[in-house]
PDB file of N, CA and C in Angstrom:
ATOM      1  N   MET A   1      56.398  34.537 -12.533  1.00  0.00           N
ATOM      2  CA  MET A   1      57.195  33.337 -12.451  1.00  0.00           C
ATOM      3  C   MET A   1      58.581  33.598 -11.854  1.00  0.00           C
ATOM      4  N   GLU A   2      58.946  34.832 -11.784  1.00  0.00           N
ATOM      5  CA  GLU A   2      60.287  35.161 -11.280  1.00  0.00           C
ATOM      6  C   GLU A   2      60.505  34.693  -9.847  1.00  0.00           C
ATOM      7  N   PHE A   3      59.430  34.605  -9.072  1.00  0.00           N
ATOM      8  CA  PHE A   3      59.573  34.136  -7.690  1.00  0.00           C
ATOM      9  C   PHE A   3      60.077  32.701  -7.647  1.00  0.00           C
ATOM     10  N   LEU A   4      59.706  31.890  -8.636  1.00  0.00           N
ATOM     11  CA  LEU A   4      60.189  30.508  -8.697  1.00  0.00           C
ATOM     12  C   LEU A   4      61.695  30.483  -8.920  1.00  0.00           C
ATOM     13  N   LYS A   5      62.141  31.323  -9.827  1.00  0.00           N
ATOM     14  CA  LYS A   5      63.571  31.425 -10.123  1.00  0.00           C
ATOM     15  C   LYS A   5      64.338  31.893  -8.889  1.00  0.00           C
ATOM     16  N   LYS A   6      63.813  32.893  -8.234  1.00  0.00           N
ATOM     17  CA  LYS A   6      64.453  33.445  -7.034  1.00  0.00           C
ATOM     18  C   LYS A   6      64.530  32.387  -5.932  1.00  0.00           C
ATOM     19  N   ASN A   7      63.446  31.680  -5.707  1.00  0.00           N
ATOM     20  CA  ASN A   7      63.426  30.647  -4.677  1.00  0.00           C
ATOM     21  C   ASN A   7      64.330  29.464  -5.045  1.00  0.00           C
ATOM     22  N   ALA A   8      64.386  29.122  -6.328  1.00  0.00           N
ATOM     23  CA  ALA A   8      65.270  28.042  -6.774  1.00  0.00           C
ATOM     24  C   ALA A   8      66.713  28.365  -6.421  1.00  0.00           C
ATOM     25  N   MET A   9      67.113  29.588  -6.647  1.00  0.00           N
ATOM     26  CA  MET A   9      68.487  29.980  -6.353  1.00  0.00           C
ATOM     27  C   MET A   9      68.752  30.002  -4.848  1.00  0.00           C
ATOM     28  N   LYS A  10      67.752  30.325  -4.070  1.00  0.00           N
ATOM     29  CA  LYS A  10      67.910  30.258  -2.611  1.00  0.00           C
ATOM     30  C   LYS A  10      68.132  28.816  -2.168  1.00  0.00           C
ATOM     31  N   PHE A  11      67.402  27.884  -2.777  1.00  0.00           N
ATOM     32  CA  PHE A  11      67.585  26.475  -2.444  1.00  0.00           C
ATOM     33  C   PHE A  11      68.973  25.992  -2.857  1.00  0.00           C
ATOM     34  N   LEU A  12      69.461  26.457  -4.002  1.00  0.00           N
ATOM     35  CA  LEU A  12      70.801  26.063  -4.427  1.00  0.00           C
ATOM     36  C   LEU A  12      71.852  26.589  -3.451  1.00  0.00           C
ATOM     37  N   LYS A  13      71.668  27.809  -3.011  1.00  0.00           N
ATOM     38  CA  LYS A  13      72.595  28.384  -2.029  1.00  0.00           C
ATOM     39  C   LYS A  13      72.560  27.583  -0.723  1.00  0.00           C
ATOM     40  N   LYS A  14      71.368  27.223  -0.283  1.00  0.00           N
ATOM     41  CA  LYS A  14      71.226  26.424   0.940  1.00  0.00           C
ATOM     42  C   LYS A  14      71.858  25.031   0.756  1.00  0.00           C
ATOM     43  N   ALA A  15      71.749  24.482  -0.430  1.00  0.00           N
ATOM     44  CA  ALA A  15      72.375  23.191  -0.710  1.00  0.00           C
ATOM     45  C   ALA A  15      73.893  23.301  -0.563  1.00  0.00           C
ATOM     46  N   GLU A  16      74.456  24.370  -1.093  1.00  0.00           N
ATOM     47  CA  GLU A  16      75.902  24.581  -0.970  1.00  0.00           C
ATOM     48  C   GLU A  16      76.309  24.750   0.492  1.00  0.00           C
ATOM     49  N   GLU A  17      75.552  25.528   1.238  1.00  0.00           N
ATOM     50  CA  GLU A  17      75.845  25.740   2.658  1.00  0.00           C
ATOM     51  C   GLU A  17      75.747  24.436   3.442  1.00  0.00           C
ATOM     52  N   SER A  18      74.723  23.645   3.144  1.00  0.00           N
ATOM     53  CA  SER A  18      74.535  22.369   3.829  1.00  0.00           C
ATOM     54  C   SER A  18      75.678  21.409   3.507  1.00  0.00           C
ATOM     55  N   PHE A  19      76.123  21.418   2.260  1.00  0.00           N
ATOM     56  CA  PHE A  19      77.227  20.552   1.877  1.00  0.00           C
ATOM     57  C   PHE A  19      78.485  20.924   2.661  1.00  0.00           C
ATOM     58  N   LYS A  20      78.774  22.207   2.725  1.00  0.00           N
ATOM     59  CA  LYS A  20      79.961  22.674   3.461  1.00  0.00           C
ATOM     60  C   LYS A  20      79.870  22.321   4.945  1.00  0.00           C
ATOM     61  N   ALA A  21      78.665  22.262   5.476  1.00  0.00           N
ATOM     62  CA  ALA A  21      78.453  21.926   6.887  1.00  0.00           C
ATOM     63  C   ALA A  21      78.399  20.415   7.122  1.00  0.00           C
ATOM     64  N   GLY A  22      78.507  19.629   6.054  1.00  0.00           N
ATOM     65  CA  GLY A  22      78.461  18.178   6.197  1.00  0.00           C
ATOM     66  C   GLY A  22      77.062  17.627   6.402  1.00  0.00           C
ATOM     67  N   GLU A  23      76.068  18.414   6.086  1.00  0.00           N
ATOM     68  CA  GLU A  23      74.667  17.997   6.236  1.00  0.00           C
ATOM     69  C   GLU A  23      74.145  17.510   4.874  1.00  0.00           C
ATOM     70  N   PHE A  24      74.512  16.282   4.537  1.00  0.00           N
ATOM     71  CA  PHE A  24      74.271  15.796   3.186  1.00  0.00           C
ATOM     72  C   PHE A  24      72.805  15.490   2.898  1.00  0.00           C
ATOM     73  N   ASN A  25      72.027  15.130   3.920  1.00  0.00           N
ATOM     74  CA  ASN A  25      70.590  14.935   3.710  1.00  0.00           C
ATOM     75  C   ASN A  25      69.934  16.250   3.282  1.00  0.00           C
ATOM     76  N   PHE A  26      70.327  17.329   3.945  1.00  0.00           N
ATOM     77  CA  PHE A  26      69.768  18.633   3.586  1.00  0.00           C
ATOM     78  C   PHE A  26      70.274  19.085   2.220  1.00  0.00           C
ATOM     79  N   THR A  27      71.525  18.764   1.913  1.00  0.00           N
ATOM     80  CA  THR A  27      72.050  19.077   0.582  1.00  0.00           C
ATOM     81  C   THR A  27      71.162  18.454  -0.473  1.00  0.00           C
ATOM     82  N   MET A  28      70.859  17.185  -0.299  1.00  0.00           N
ATOM     83  CA  MET A  28      70.031  16.480  -1.277  1.00  0.00           C
ATOM     84  C   MET A  28      68.629  17.063  -1.356  1.00  0.00           C
ATOM     85  N   PHE A  29      68.041  17.340  -0.207  1.00  0.00           N
ATOM     86  CA  PHE A  29      66.697  17.918  -0.190  1.00  0.00           C
ATOM     87  C   PHE A  29      66.675  19.265  -0.918  1.00  0.00           C
ATOM     88  N   PHE A  30      67.647  20.115  -0.622  1.00  0.00           N
ATOM     89  CA  PHE A  30      67.673  21.439  -1.241  1.00  0.00           C
ATOM     90  C   PHE A  30      67.966  21.363  -2.737  1.00  0.00           C
ATOM     91  N   VAL A  31      68.795  20.415  -3.154  1.00  0.00           N
ATOM     92  CA  VAL A  31      69.051  20.233  -4.590  1.00  0.00           C
ATOM     93  C   VAL A  31      67.760  19.816  -5.289  1.00  0.00           C
ATOM     94  N   GLU A  32      67.029  18.910  -4.664  1.00  0.00           N
ATOM     95  CA  GLU A  32      65.762  18.469  -5.265  1.00  0.00           C
ATOM     96  C   GLU A  32      64.807  19.642  -5.404  1.00  0.00           C
ATOM     97  N   GLN A  33      64.721  20.473  -4.388  1.00  0.00           N
ATOM     98  CA  GLN A  33      63.845  21.642  -4.447  1.00  0.00           C
ATOM     99  C   GLN A  33      64.306  22.610  -5.532  1.00  0.00           C
ATOM    100  N   PHE A  34      65.609  22.768  -5.672  1.00  0.00           N
ATOM    101  CA  PHE A  34      66.156  23.603  -6.745  1.00  0.00           C
ATOM    102  C   PHE A  34      65.658  23.115  -8.103  1.00  0.00           C
ATOM    103  N   PHE A  35      65.774  21.806  -8.355  1.00  0.00           N
ATOM    104  CA  PHE A  35      65.335  21.272  -9.643  1.00  0.00           C
ATOM    105  C   PHE A  35      63.833  21.454  -9.835  1.00  0.00           C
ATOM    106  N   GLN A  36      63.059  21.165  -8.810  1.00  0.00           N
ATOM    107  CA  GLN A  36      61.605  21.345  -8.931  1.00  0.00           C
ATOM    108  C   GLN A  36      61.252  22.772  -9.349  1.00  0.00           C
ATOM    109  N   LEU A  37      61.780  23.714  -8.610  1.00  0.00           N
ATOM    110  CA  LEU A  37      61.397  25.105  -8.866  1.00  0.00           C
ATOM    111  C   LEU A  37      61.965  25.633 -10.171  1.00  0.00           C
ATOM    112  N   THR A  38      63.161  25.225 -10.525  1.00  0.00           N
ATOM    113  CA  THR A  38      63.740  25.666 -11.791  1.00  0.00           C
ATOM    114  C   THR A  38      62.930  25.133 -12.958  1.00  0.00           C
ATOM    115  N   LEU A  39      62.565  23.866 -12.896  1.00  0.00           N
ATOM    116  CA  LEU A  39      61.760  23.295 -13.975  1.00  0.00           C
ATOM    117  C   LEU A  39      60.378  23.949 -14.044  1.00  0.00           C
ATOM    118  N   LYS A  40      59.779  24.195 -12.898  1.00  0.00           N
ATOM    119  CA  LYS A  40      58.477  24.874 -12.882  1.00  0.00           C
ATOM    120  C   LYS A  40      58.602  26.293 -13.442  1.00  0.00           C
ATOM    121  N   TYR A  41      59.714  26.952 -13.138  1.00  0.00           N
ATOM    122  CA  TYR A  41      59.963  28.290 -13.700  1.00  0.00           C
ATOM    123  C   TYR A  41      60.029  28.220 -15.226  1.00  0.00           C
ATOM    124  N   LEU A  42      60.802  27.270 -15.744  1.00  0.00           N
ATOM    125  CA  LEU A  42      60.954  27.149 -17.196  1.00  0.00           C
ATOM    126  C   LEU A  42      59.630  26.819 -17.877  1.00  0.00           C
ATOM    127  N   ILE A  43      58.878  25.913 -17.269  1.00  0.00           N
ATOM    128  CA  ILE A  43      57.569  25.545 -17.820  1.00  0.00           C
ATOM    129  C   ILE A  43      56.624  26.741 -17.750  1.00  0.00           C
ATOM    130  N   GLY A  44      56.593  27.416 -16.605  1.00  0.00           N
ATOM    131  CA  GLY A  44      55.721  28.575 -16.439  1.00  0.00           C
ATOM    132  C   GLY A  44      56.052  29.702 -17.385  1.00  0.00           C
ATOM    133  N   LYS A  45      57.317  29.915 -17.619  1.00  0.00           N
ATOM    134  CA  LYS A  45      57.742  30.971 -18.545  1.00  0.00           C
ATOM    135  C   LYS A  45      57.283  30.656 -19.965  1.00  0.00           C
ATOM    136  N   ARG A  46      57.311  29.396 -20.308  1.00  0.00           N
ATOM    137  CA  ARG A  46      56.939  28.975 -21.658  1.00  0.00           C
ATOM    138  C   ARG A  46      55.423  28.945 -21.867  1.00  0.00           C
ATOM    139  N   TYR A  47      54.676  28.478 -20.839  1.00  0.00           N
ATOM    140  CA  TYR A  47      53.248  28.248 -21.010  1.00  0.00           C
ATOM    141  C   TYR A  47      52.353  29.182 -20.205  1.00  0.00           C
ATOM    142  N   GLY A  48      52.926  30.005 -19.358  1.00  0.00           N
ATOM    143  CA  GLY A  48      52.126  30.944 -18.584  1.00  0.00           C
ATOM    144  C   GLY A  48      51.652  30.430 -17.243  1.00  0.00           C
ATOM    145  N   ASP A  49      51.863  29.158 -16.972  1.00  0.00           N
ATOM    146  CA  ASP A  49      51.501  28.565 -15.691  1.00  0.00           C
ATOM    147  C   ASP A  49      52.420  27.370 -15.476  1.00  0.00           C
ATOM    148  N   PHE A  50      52.471  26.901 -14.259  1.00  0.00           N
ATOM    149  CA  PHE A  50      53.334  25.760 -13.960  1.00  0.00           C
ATOM    150  C   PHE A  50      52.518  24.680 -13.268  1.00  0.00           C
ATOM    151  N   PRO A  51      52.912  23.417 -13.465  1.00  0.00           N
ATOM    152  CA  PRO A  51      52.180  22.310 -12.849  1.00  0.00           C
ATOM    153  C   PRO A  51      52.425  22.231 -11.349  1.00  0.00           C
ATOM    154  N   LYS A  52      51.436  21.791 -10.640  1.00  0.00           N
ATOM    155  CA  LYS A  52      51.526  21.650  -9.186  1.00  0.00           C
ATOM    156  C   LYS A  52      51.857  20.200  -8.839  1.00  0.00           C
ATOM    157  N   ILE A  53      52.929  19.710  -9.439  1.00  0.00           N
ATOM    158  CA  ILE A  53      53.399  18.356  -9.193  1.00  0.00           C
ATOM    159  C   ILE A  53      54.836  18.430  -8.689  1.00  0.00           C
ATOM    160  N   HIS A  54      55.348  17.303  -8.206  1.00  0.00           N
ATOM    161  CA  HIS A  54      56.684  17.301  -7.615  1.00  0.00           C
ATOM    162  C   HIS A  54      57.658  16.356  -8.306  1.00  0.00           C
ATOM    163  N   ASN A  55      57.178  15.462  -9.120  1.00  0.00           N
ATOM    164  CA  ASN A  55      58.009  14.448  -9.742  1.00  0.00           C
ATOM    165  C   ASN A  55      58.927  15.067 -10.804  1.00  0.00           C
ATOM    166  N   LEU A  56      60.230  14.924 -10.608  1.00  0.00           N
ATOM    167  CA  LEU A  56      61.180  15.546 -11.530  1.00  0.00           C
ATOM    168  C   LEU A  56      61.078  14.979 -12.942  1.00  0.00           C
ATOM    169  N   LYS A  57      60.913  13.672 -13.058  1.00  0.00           N
ATOM    170  CA  LYS A  57      60.789  13.072 -14.386  1.00  0.00           C
ATOM    171  C   LYS A  57      59.625  13.700 -15.145  1.00  0.00           C
ATOM    172  N   SER A  58      58.496  13.838 -14.494  1.00  0.00           N
ATOM    173  CA  SER A  58      57.327  14.450 -15.133  1.00  0.00           C
ATOM    174  C   SER A  58      57.588  15.898 -15.500  1.00  0.00           C
ATOM    175  N   LEU A  59      58.267  16.611 -14.624  1.00  0.00           N
ATOM    176  CA  LEU A  59      58.575  18.018 -14.913  1.00  0.00           C
ATOM    177  C   LEU A  59      59.521  18.143 -16.103  1.00  0.00           C
ATOM    178  N   PHE A  60      60.513  17.279 -16.175  1.00  0.00           N
ATOM    179  CA  PHE A  60      61.403  17.298 -17.346  1.00  0.00           C
ATOM    180  C   PHE A  60      60.604  17.014 -18.613  1.00  0.00           C
ATOM    181  N   GLU A  61      59.714  16.044 -18.554  1.00  0.00           N
ATOM    182  CA  GLU A  61      58.901  15.704 -19.723  1.00  0.00           C
ATOM    183  C   GLU A  61      57.985  16.856 -20.120  1.00  0.00           C
ATOM    184  N   LEU A  62      57.392  17.520 -19.139  1.00  0.00           N
ATOM    185  CA  LEU A  62      56.493  18.637 -19.424  1.00  0.00           C
ATOM    186  C   LEU A  62      57.216  19.852 -20.003  1.00  0.00           C
ATOM    187  N   SER A  63      58.514  19.934 -19.779  1.00  0.00           N
ATOM    188  CA  SER A  63      59.275  21.048 -20.346  1.00  0.00           C
ATOM    189  C   SER A  63      59.305  20.985 -21.868  1.00  0.00           C
ATOM    190  N   LYS A  64      59.188  19.783 -22.407  1.00  0.00           N
ATOM    191  CA  LYS A  64      59.213  19.538 -23.851  1.00  0.00           C
ATOM    192  C   LYS A  64      60.453  20.131 -24.510  1.00  0.00           C
ATOM    193  N   GLU A  65      61.534  20.147 -23.755  1.00  0.00           N
ATOM    194  CA  GLU A  65      62.825  20.625 -24.257  1.00  0.00           C
ATOM    195  C   GLU A  65      63.749  19.422 -24.403  1.00  0.00           C
ATOM    196  N   ASP A  66      64.148  19.129 -25.635  1.00  0.00           N
ATOM    197  CA  ASP A  66      65.007  17.974 -25.879  1.00  0.00           C
ATOM    198  C   ASP A  66      66.302  18.027 -25.078  1.00  0.00           C
ATOM    199  N   LYS A  67      66.919  19.211 -25.003  1.00  0.00           N
ATOM    200  CA  LYS A  67      68.198  19.292 -24.287  1.00  0.00           C
ATOM    201  C   LYS A  67      68.019  19.011 -22.796  1.00  0.00           C
ATOM    202  N   LEU A  68      66.874  19.388 -22.232  1.00  0.00           N
ATOM    203  CA  LEU A  68      66.609  19.113 -20.824  1.00  0.00           C
ATOM    204  C   LEU A  68      66.306  17.634 -20.605  1.00  0.00           C
ATOM    205  N   LEU A  69      65.509  17.058 -21.488  1.00  0.00           N
ATOM    206  CA  LEU A  69      65.202  15.623 -21.385  1.00  0.00           C
ATOM    207  C   LEU A  69      66.466  14.776 -21.546  1.00  0.00           C
ATOM    208  N   ASN A  70      67.323  15.168 -22.469  1.00  0.00           N
ATOM    209  CA  ASN A  70      68.575  14.444 -22.667  1.00  0.00           C
ATOM    210  C   ASN A  70      69.468  14.558 -21.427  1.00  0.00           C
ATOM    211  N   PHE A  71      69.500  15.736 -20.823  1.00  0.00           N
ATOM    212  CA  PHE A  71      70.268  15.937 -19.594  1.00  0.00           C
ATOM    213  C   PHE A  71      69.756  15.008 -18.503  1.00  0.00           C
ATOM    214  N   TYR A  72      68.444  14.922 -18.393  1.00  0.00           N
ATOM    215  CA  TYR A  72      67.836  14.026 -17.400  1.00  0.00           C
ATOM    216  C   TYR A  72      68.243  12.574 -17.671  1.00  0.00           C
ATOM    217  N   LYS A  73      68.106  12.141 -18.910  1.00  0.00           N
ATOM    218  CA  LYS A  73      68.411  10.756 -19.265  1.00  0.00           C
ATOM    219  C   LYS A  73      69.894  10.432 -19.081  1.00  0.00           C
ATOM    220  N   GLN A  74      70.754  11.372 -19.402  1.00  0.00           N
ATOM    221  CA  GLN A  74      72.196  11.147 -19.274  1.00  0.00           C
ATOM    222  C   GLN A  74      72.629  11.042 -17.809  1.00  0.00           C
ATOM    223  N   ASN A  75      71.845  11.609 -16.929  1.00  0.00           N
ATOM    224  CA  ASN A  75      72.184  11.626 -15.502  1.00  0.00           C
ATOM    225  C   ASN A  75      71.133  10.903 -14.664  1.00  0.00           C
ATOM    226  N   LEU A  76      70.527   9.901 -15.246  1.00  0.00           N
ATOM    227  CA  LEU A  76      69.381   9.232 -14.642  1.00  0.00           C
ATOM    228  C   LEU A  76      69.679   8.673 -13.254  1.00  0.00           C
ATOM    229  N   ASP A  77      70.821   8.055 -13.080  1.00  0.00           N
ATOM    230  CA  ASP A  77      71.139   7.467 -11.763  1.00  0.00           C
ATOM    231  C   ASP A  77      71.180   8.528 -10.669  1.00  0.00           C
ATOM    232  N   THR A  78      71.805   9.648 -10.967  1.00  0.00           N
ATOM    233  CA  THR A  78      71.872  10.726  -9.976  1.00  0.00           C
ATOM    234  C   THR A  78      70.496  11.328  -9.752  1.00  0.00           C
ATOM    235  N   PHE A  79      69.729  11.506 -10.813  1.00  0.00           N
ATOM    236  CA  PHE A  79      68.381  12.048 -10.647  1.00  0.00           C
ATOM    237  C   PHE A  79      67.491  11.122  -9.834  1.00  0.00           C
ATOM    238  N   ARG A  80      67.689   9.829  -9.931  1.00  0.00           N
ATOM    239  CA  ARG A  80      66.910   8.899  -9.105  1.00  0.00           C
ATOM    240  C   ARG A  80      67.205   9.128  -7.628  1.00  0.00           C
ATOM    241  N   GLU A  81      68.469   9.322  -7.306  1.00  0.00           N
ATOM    242  CA  GLU A  81      68.846   9.626  -5.920  1.00  0.00           C
ATOM    243  C   GLU A  81      68.226  10.947  -5.468  1.00  0.00           C
ATOM    244  N   ILE A  82      68.273  11.941  -6.342  1.00  0.00           N
ATOM    245  CA  ILE A  82      67.716  13.256  -6.009  1.00  0.00           C
ATOM    246  C   ILE A  82      66.210  13.154  -5.800  1.00  0.00           C
ATOM    247  N   GLU A  83      65.534  12.437  -6.687  1.00  0.00           N
ATOM    248  CA  GLU A  83      64.082  12.280  -6.576  1.00  0.00           C
ATOM    249  C   GLU A  83      63.703  11.553  -5.280  1.00  0.00           C
ATOM    250  N   LEU A  84      64.439  10.521  -4.936  1.00  0.00           N
ATOM    251  CA  LEU A  84      64.159   9.789  -3.693  1.00  0.00           C
ATOM    252  C   LEU A  84      64.371  10.665  -2.467  1.00  0.00           C
ATOM    253  N   SER A  85      65.295  11.587  -2.571  1.00  0.00           N
ATOM    254  CA  SER A  85      65.603  12.439  -1.414  1.00  0.00           C
ATOM    255  C   SER A  85      64.448  13.353  -1.029  1.00  0.00           C
ATOM    256  N   TYR A  86      63.531  13.588  -1.956  1.00  0.00           N
ATOM    257  CA  TYR A  86      62.375  14.436  -1.654  1.00  0.00           C
ATOM    258  C   TYR A  86      61.625  13.897  -0.434  1.00  0.00           C
ATOM    259  N   ILE A  87      61.498  12.595  -0.353  1.00  0.00           N
ATOM    260  CA  ILE A  87      60.831  11.946   0.777  1.00  0.00           C
ATOM    261  C   ILE A  87      61.862  11.455   1.798  1.00  0.00           C
ATOM    262  N   ALA A  88      62.881  10.765   1.308  1.00  0.00           N
ATOM    263  CA  ALA A  88      63.825  10.075   2.191  1.00  0.00           C
ATOM    264  C   ALA A  88      64.571  11.006   3.136  1.00  0.00           C
ATOM    265  N   SER A  89      64.983  12.166   2.660  1.00  0.00           N
ATOM    266  CA  SER A  89      65.783  13.051   3.510  1.00  0.00           C
ATOM    267  C   SER A  89      64.983  13.597   4.687  1.00  0.00           C
ATOM    268  N   ARG A  90      63.669  13.557   4.574  1.00  0.00           N
ATOM    269  CA  ARG A  90      62.830  14.077   5.657  1.00  0.00           C
ATOM    270  C   ARG A  90      62.223  12.992   6.524  1.00  0.00           C
ATOM    271  N   TYR A  91      61.852  11.865   5.922  1.00  0.00           N
ATOM    272  CA  TYR A  91      61.034  10.907   6.635  1.00  0.00           C
ATOM    273  C   TYR A  91      61.664   9.546   6.891  1.00  0.00           C
ATOM    274  N   LEU A  92      62.798   9.268   6.282  1.00  0.00           N
ATOM    275  CA  LEU A  92      63.412   7.958   6.450  1.00  0.00           C
ATOM    276  C   LEU A  92      64.750   8.075   7.166  1.00  0.00           C
ATOM    277  N   ASP A  93      65.124   6.996   7.787  1.00  0.00           N
ATOM    278  CA  ASP A  93      66.408   6.946   8.480  1.00  0.00           C
ATOM    279  C   ASP A  93      67.481   6.579   7.460  1.00  0.00           C
ATOM    280  N   ILE A  94      67.847   7.545   6.656  1.00  0.00           N
ATOM    281  CA  ILE A  94      68.826   7.335   5.594  1.00  0.00           C
ATOM    282  C   ILE A  94      69.866   8.444   5.668  1.00  0.00           C
ATOM    283  N   GLU A  95      71.082   8.063   5.395  1.00  0.00           N
ATOM    284  CA  GLU A  95      72.170   9.041   5.373  1.00  0.00           C
ATOM    285  C   GLU A  95      72.749   9.063   3.970  1.00  0.00           C
ATOM    286  N   TYR A  96      72.890  10.242   3.417  1.00  0.00           N
ATOM    287  CA  TYR A  96      73.517  10.391   2.108  1.00  0.00           C
ATOM    288  C   TYR A  96      75.008  10.629   2.285  1.00  0.00           C
ATOM    289  N   SER A  97      75.785  10.095   1.382  1.00  0.00           N
ATOM    290  CA  SER A  97      77.237  10.260   1.443  1.00  0.00           C
ATOM    291  C   SER A  97      77.647  11.611   0.864  1.00  0.00           C
ATOM    292  N   ASP A  98      78.834  12.020   1.213  1.00  0.00           N
ATOM    293  CA  ASP A  98      79.363  13.245   0.637  1.00  0.00           C
ATOM    294  C   ASP A  98      79.520  13.105  -0.877  1.00  0.00           C
ATOM    295  N   THR A  99      79.779  11.895  -1.337  1.00  0.00           N
ATOM    296  CA  THR A  99      79.975  11.658  -2.772  1.00  0.00           C
ATOM    297  C   THR A  99      78.703  11.932  -3.564  1.00  0.00           C
ATOM    298  N   ILE A 100      77.580  11.362  -3.142  1.00  0.00           N
ATOM    299  CA  ILE A 100      76.327  11.580  -3.885  1.00  0.00           C
ATOM    300  C   ILE A 100      75.840  13.014  -3.702  1.00  0.00           C
ATOM    301  N   ALA A 101      76.051  13.587  -2.539  1.00  0.00           N
ATOM    302  CA  ALA A 101      75.641  14.980  -2.323  1.00  0.00           C
ATOM    303  C   ALA A 101      76.444  15.912  -3.221  1.00  0.00           C
ATOM    304  N   GLU A 102      77.739  15.665  -3.310  1.00  0.00           N
ATOM    305  CA  GLU A 102      78.589  16.500  -4.161  1.00  0.00           C
ATOM    306  C   GLU A 102      78.219  16.336  -5.632  1.00  0.00           C
ATOM    307  N   LYS A 103      77.972  15.108  -6.038  1.00  0.00           N
ATOM    308  CA  LYS A 103      77.580  14.832  -7.428  1.00  0.00           C
ATOM    309  C   LYS A 103      76.250  15.520  -7.761  1.00  0.00           C
ATOM    310  N   SER A 104      75.320  15.493  -6.841  1.00  0.00           N
ATOM    311  CA  SER A 104      74.008  16.118  -7.043  1.00  0.00           C
ATOM    312  C   SER A 104      74.128  17.636  -7.116  1.00  0.00           C
ATOM    313  N   LEU A 105      74.945  18.188  -6.251  1.00  0.00           N
ATOM    314  CA  LEU A 105      75.166  19.633  -6.243  1.00  0.00           C
ATOM    315  C   LEU A 105      75.836  20.083  -7.541  1.00  0.00           C
ATOM    316  N   LYS A 106      76.791  19.316  -7.995  1.00  0.00           N
ATOM    317  CA  LYS A 106      77.463  19.615  -9.272  1.00  0.00           C
ATOM    318  C   LYS A 106      76.466  19.551 -10.423  1.00  0.00           C
ATOM    319  N   LEU A 107      75.590  18.570 -10.395  1.00  0.00           N
ATOM    320  CA  LEU A 107      74.575  18.414 -11.430  1.00  0.00           C
ATOM    321  C   LEU A 107      73.647  19.630 -11.475  1.00  0.00           C
ATOM    322  N   ALA A 108      73.290  20.135 -10.305  1.00  0.00           N
ATOM    323  CA  ALA A 108      72.432  21.326 -10.250  1.00  0.00           C
ATOM    324  C   ALA A 108      73.125  22.521 -10.901  1.00  0.00           C
ATOM    325  N   LYS A 109      74.391  22.684 -10.641  1.00  0.00           N
ATOM    326  CA  LYS A 109      75.135  23.802 -11.233  1.00  0.00           C
ATOM    327  C   LYS A 109      75.278  23.633 -12.747  1.00  0.00           C
ATOM    328  N   GLU A 110      75.490  22.412 -13.189  1.00  0.00           N
ATOM    329  CA  GLU A 110      75.559  22.137 -14.627  1.00  0.00           C
ATOM    330  C   GLU A 110      74.228  22.442 -15.298  1.00  0.00           C
ATOM    331  N   PHE A 111      73.151  22.165 -14.588  1.00  0.00           N
ATOM    332  CA  PHE A 111      71.822  22.388 -15.144  1.00  0.00           C
ATOM    333  C   PHE A 111      71.589  23.855 -15.485  1.00  0.00           C
ATOM    334  N   LEU A 112      72.145  24.749 -14.712  1.00  0.00           N
ATOM    335  CA  LEU A 112      72.001  26.176 -15.005  1.00  0.00           C
ATOM    336  C   LEU A 112      72.521  26.492 -16.401  1.00  0.00           C
ATOM    337  N   GLU A 113      73.616  25.879 -16.778  1.00  0.00           N
ATOM    338  CA  GLU A 113      74.185  26.098 -18.109  1.00  0.00           C
ATOM    339  C   GLU A 113      73.363  25.406 -19.181  1.00  0.00           C
ATOM    340  N   VAL A 114      72.983  24.174 -18.933  1.00  0.00           N
ATOM    341  CA  VAL A 114      72.221  23.389 -19.913  1.00  0.00           C
ATOM    342  C   VAL A 114      70.874  24.058 -20.201  1.00  0.00           C
ATOM    343  N   ALA A 115      70.246  24.590 -19.167  1.00  0.00           N
ATOM    344  CA  ALA A 115      68.918  25.198 -19.334  1.00  0.00           C
ATOM    345  C   ALA A 115      68.978  26.526 -20.084  1.00  0.00           C
ATOM    346  N   SER A 116      70.162  27.125 -20.154  1.00  0.00           N
ATOM    347  CA  SER A 116      70.347  28.387 -20.892  1.00  0.00           C
ATOM    348  C   SER A 116      69.271  29.404 -20.526  1.00  0.00           C
ATOM    349  N   ILE A 117      69.157  29.662 -19.260  1.00  0.00           N
ATOM    350  CA  ILE A 117      68.094  30.569 -18.830  1.00  0.00           C
ATOM    351  C   ILE A 117      68.618  31.932 -18.420  1.00  0.00           C
ATOM    352  N   GLY A 118      69.805  32.239 -18.858  1.00  0.00           N
ATOM    353  CA  GLY A 118      70.322  33.578 -18.626  1.00  0.00           C
ATOM    354  C   GLY A 118      70.933  33.755 -17.251  1.00  0.00           C
ATOM    355  N   GLU A 119      71.082  34.980 -16.879  1.00  0.00           N
ATOM    356  CA  GLU A 119      71.736  35.342 -15.616  1.00  0.00           C
ATOM    357  C   GLU A 119      70.875  34.948 -14.427  1.00  0.00           C
ATOM    358  N   TRP A 120      71.479  34.179 -13.538  1.00  0.00           N
ATOM    359  CA  TRP A 120      70.821  33.764 -12.322  1.00  0.00           C
ATOM    360  C   TRP A 120      71.431  34.521 -11.195  1.00  0.00           C
TER     361      TRP A 120
END
């Protein structure tokens, strides 16, 4: 499962680089990938395998961790934007603002602390 963790951190790094370059669609896409892989890592570590799904809400629910579910619920509006970016940033003519990209990137960094998954 460590490969999921490693790849999640690569996506977070790419999200930061994209944000600095003003590429907010890519920031959103990479943040979404970070959340997907981090949640799959946590689920896989707990259960020995991870689901082959992409929906963040479902992944948060499958984690069966109250603190993670509460984090999702407390940040629902931002997570909706992040979830939509999985498709929208690649296939739709949509531009994300620096504000939502920055908020999403900050949320990803906060998640590292909330998930309490040790040294990343």
